[in-house]
Protein backbone atom coordinates (compact mmCIF):
# COMPACT_ATOMS: atom_id res chain seq x y z
CA MET A 1 -12.93 7.00 -16.64
CA LYS A 2 -13.36 10.73 -17.30
CA LYS A 3 -9.66 11.30 -16.49
CA LEU A 4 -8.67 8.58 -18.94
CA THR A 5 -10.68 10.22 -21.72
CA ILE A 6 -9.06 13.59 -21.03
CA ILE A 7 -5.56 12.08 -21.03
CA ILE A 8 -6.23 10.26 -24.29
CA LEU A 9 -7.52 13.45 -25.90
CA LEU A 10 -4.42 15.34 -24.75
CA PHE A 11 -2.17 12.67 -26.24
CA LEU A 12 -4.08 12.70 -29.49
CA SER A 13 -3.92 16.46 -29.84
CA SER A 14 -0.28 16.79 -28.83
CA ILE A 15 1.10 14.22 -31.24
CA ASN A 16 -0.19 15.80 -34.43
CA PHE A 17 -3.05 13.36 -34.67
CA ALA A 18 -0.65 10.47 -35.12
CA GLN A 19 -2.26 7.06 -35.03
CA LEU A 20 -1.82 5.88 -31.45
CA LYS A 21 -2.54 2.40 -30.24
CA ILE A 22 -3.66 2.43 -26.65
CA GLY A 23 -4.55 -0.46 -24.40
CA TYR A 24 -5.62 -0.74 -20.81
CA ILE A 25 -5.78 -3.33 -18.07
CA ASP A 26 -7.75 -3.75 -14.89
CA SER A 27 -5.03 -4.62 -12.39
CA ASP A 28 -7.59 -5.39 -9.67
CA ALA A 29 -9.21 -8.04 -11.87
CA ILE A 30 -5.82 -9.49 -12.80
CA MET A 31 -4.71 -9.63 -9.16
CA ASP A 32 -7.99 -11.25 -8.11
CA GLN A 33 -7.49 -14.08 -10.61
CA LEU A 34 -3.83 -14.91 -9.97
CA PRO A 35 -3.35 -17.90 -7.63
CA ASP A 36 -0.03 -16.43 -6.42
CA VAL A 37 -1.81 -13.29 -5.23
CA GLN A 38 -4.53 -15.29 -3.50
CA ASP A 39 -1.84 -17.30 -1.69
CA ILE A 40 -0.04 -14.11 -0.64
CA ARG A 41 -3.30 -12.60 0.62
CA GLN A 42 -3.97 -15.72 2.71
CA ARG A 43 -0.47 -15.57 4.19
CA LEU A 44 -0.88 -11.88 5.01
CA ASP A 45 -4.33 -12.49 6.50
CA ALA A 46 -2.84 -15.19 8.75
CA LEU A 47 -0.15 -12.75 9.92
CA ILE A 48 -2.77 -10.07 10.55
CA LEU A 49 -4.86 -12.48 12.62
CA GLU A 50 -1.82 -13.52 14.64
CA TRP A 51 -0.77 -9.94 15.33
CA GLN A 52 -4.34 -8.82 16.02
CA SER A 53 -4.64 -11.65 18.55
CA GLU A 54 -1.46 -10.46 20.30
CA LEU A 55 -2.77 -6.89 20.26
CA ASN A 56 -6.12 -7.99 21.71
CA LYS A 57 -4.27 -9.86 24.47
CA LEU A 58 -2.30 -6.72 25.39
CA GLU A 59 -5.46 -4.60 25.34
CA ARG A 60 -7.29 -7.11 27.59
CA GLU A 61 -4.33 -7.07 29.98
CA TRP A 62 -4.47 -3.25 30.09
CA LYS A 63 -8.26 -3.30 30.61
CA THR A 64 -7.97 -5.80 33.46
CA LYS A 65 -5.28 -3.74 35.18
CA TYR A 66 -7.23 -0.53 34.61
CA ASP A 67 -10.46 -2.00 36.01
CA ASP A 68 -8.56 -3.28 39.03
CA TYR A 69 -6.97 0.14 39.48
CA GLU A 70 -10.36 1.89 39.26
CA LYS A 71 -11.81 -0.41 41.94
CA ARG A 72 -8.93 0.02 44.35
CA LYS A 73 -7.57 3.54 43.70
CA LEU A 74 -9.38 5.10 46.66
CA ILE A 75 -7.79 2.68 49.11
CA MET A 76 -4.32 2.74 47.54
CA SER A 77 -1.47 4.71 49.01
CA ASP A 78 -0.21 7.61 46.92
CA GLN A 79 2.94 5.63 46.09
CA THR A 80 1.01 2.52 44.98
CA ARG A 81 -1.45 4.60 42.95
CA LEU A 82 1.44 6.39 41.19
CA GLU A 83 3.21 3.11 40.43
CA THR A 84 0.01 1.55 39.07
CA GLU A 85 -0.66 4.60 36.89
CA GLN A 86 2.89 4.40 35.53
CA GLN A 87 2.39 0.69 34.76
CA LEU A 88 -0.83 1.52 32.88
CA VAL A 89 0.92 4.24 30.88
CA GLN A 90 3.80 1.86 30.07
CA LEU A 91 1.33 -0.78 28.91
CA GLU A 92 -0.50 1.81 26.78
CA ASN A 93 2.85 2.77 25.21
CA LYS A 94 3.68 -0.88 24.62
CA ILE A 95 0.32 -1.35 22.85
CA ALA A 96 0.89 1.74 20.69
CA GLU A 97 4.43 0.63 19.80
CA PHE A 98 3.23 -2.86 18.91
CA ARG A 99 0.43 -1.47 16.72
CA ASP A 100 2.86 0.87 14.94
CA LYS A 101 5.56 -1.80 14.58
CA LYS A 102 3.16 -4.29 13.02
CA PHE A 103 0.52 -2.18 11.25
CA GLY A 104 2.13 1.27 10.86
CA ALA A 105 3.10 2.94 7.60
CA ASN A 106 6.53 1.28 7.60
CA GLY A 107 5.49 -1.63 9.79
CA GLU A 108 6.10 -5.30 9.32
CA LEU A 109 2.80 -5.81 7.48
CA PHE A 110 3.71 -3.20 4.86
CA GLN A 111 7.23 -4.63 4.50
CA LYS A 112 5.98 -8.23 4.25
CA GLN A 113 3.35 -7.24 1.69
CA ASP A 114 5.98 -5.44 -0.36
CA GLU A 115 8.39 -8.38 -0.10
CA LEU A 116 5.78 -10.94 -1.15
CA MET A 117 4.09 -8.87 -3.86
CA LYS A 118 7.23 -7.51 -5.58
CA PRO A 119 7.92 -10.71 -7.60
CA VAL A 120 4.26 -10.96 -8.66
CA GLN A 121 4.16 -7.29 -9.65
CA ASN A 122 7.35 -7.72 -11.69
CA LYS A 123 5.82 -10.75 -13.40
CA ILE A 124 2.68 -8.73 -14.24
CA PHE A 125 4.66 -5.75 -15.54
CA ASN A 126 6.80 -8.04 -17.73
CA ALA A 127 3.64 -9.62 -19.15
CA ILE A 128 2.17 -6.16 -19.81
CA LYS A 129 5.35 -5.10 -21.61
CA GLU A 130 5.40 -8.28 -23.73
CA VAL A 131 1.73 -7.94 -24.73
CA ALA A 132 2.18 -4.23 -25.46
CA GLN A 133 5.13 -4.97 -27.72
CA GLU A 134 3.36 -7.88 -29.44
CA GLU A 135 0.29 -5.68 -30.05
CA ASP A 136 2.48 -2.70 -31.02
CA LEU A 137 0.75 -0.52 -28.43
CA ASP A 138 2.04 2.95 -27.71
CA PHE A 139 0.56 3.21 -24.21
CA VAL A 140 -1.04 0.90 -21.66
CA PHE A 141 -3.10 2.34 -18.82
CA ASP A 142 -4.44 0.78 -15.64
CA ARG A 143 -8.08 1.62 -15.11
CA SER A 144 -8.14 0.43 -11.49
CA GLY A 145 -7.99 3.34 -9.07
CA ASP A 146 -5.91 6.27 -10.21
CA ILE A 147 -4.97 6.37 -13.86
CA MET A 148 -1.47 5.12 -14.29
CA ILE A 149 0.66 4.57 -17.39
CA LEU A 150 2.09 1.06 -17.14
CA TYR A 151 3.84 1.04 -20.48
CA ALA A 152 4.84 3.69 -22.98
CA LYS A 153 7.10 3.58 -25.99
CA ASP A 154 10.37 5.37 -25.34
CA LYS A 155 9.84 7.68 -28.30
CA TYR A 156 7.11 9.49 -26.31
CA ASP A 157 9.36 10.19 -23.30
CA ILE A 158 10.15 13.93 -23.27
CA SER A 159 11.87 13.95 -19.86
CA ALA A 160 15.30 14.86 -21.29
CA LYS A 161 13.80 17.74 -23.30
CA VAL A 162 12.02 19.07 -20.21
CA LEU A 163 15.26 18.85 -18.21
CA ASN A 164 17.14 20.69 -20.93
CA LYS A 165 14.47 23.37 -21.00
CA LEU A 166 14.71 23.77 -17.24
CA LYS A 167 18.51 23.98 -17.33
CA LEU A 168 18.34 26.77 -19.89
CA GLN A 169 16.10 28.88 -17.63
């Protein structure tokens, strides 16, 4: 909230004390109350449970093979021990690949979440824009998490001026 106050003060001082109309939303509260979002979360939770179950199965398989290896490694031939160790390493790699493929930064979970949430996010942003225009707001902030401008009137966009200034230098 302290960041929001500072940003508002900067806007007020930089626009010659013009009368600004500022609004904010709590996107977490909005998301928590939308049935579409709750449905998406349930679908994602079901996927997570399914994938976690598969991952647990692979990990149990590795553990069983490892325990068996530990019990028998002293009586194994060098060749058999080496082959078993290679199988364990391959299974470890398979587990790591599965975890990354499903839960990694660009994994299926991230992609599915993005795919399912994109239409809802667009719907929310359109509603924000409509309300901001109806209320004649200059800026709309999101107070959930990091401060983010969700809507701003075009007349406050100085990007072109900054680019021109940079090109002159």
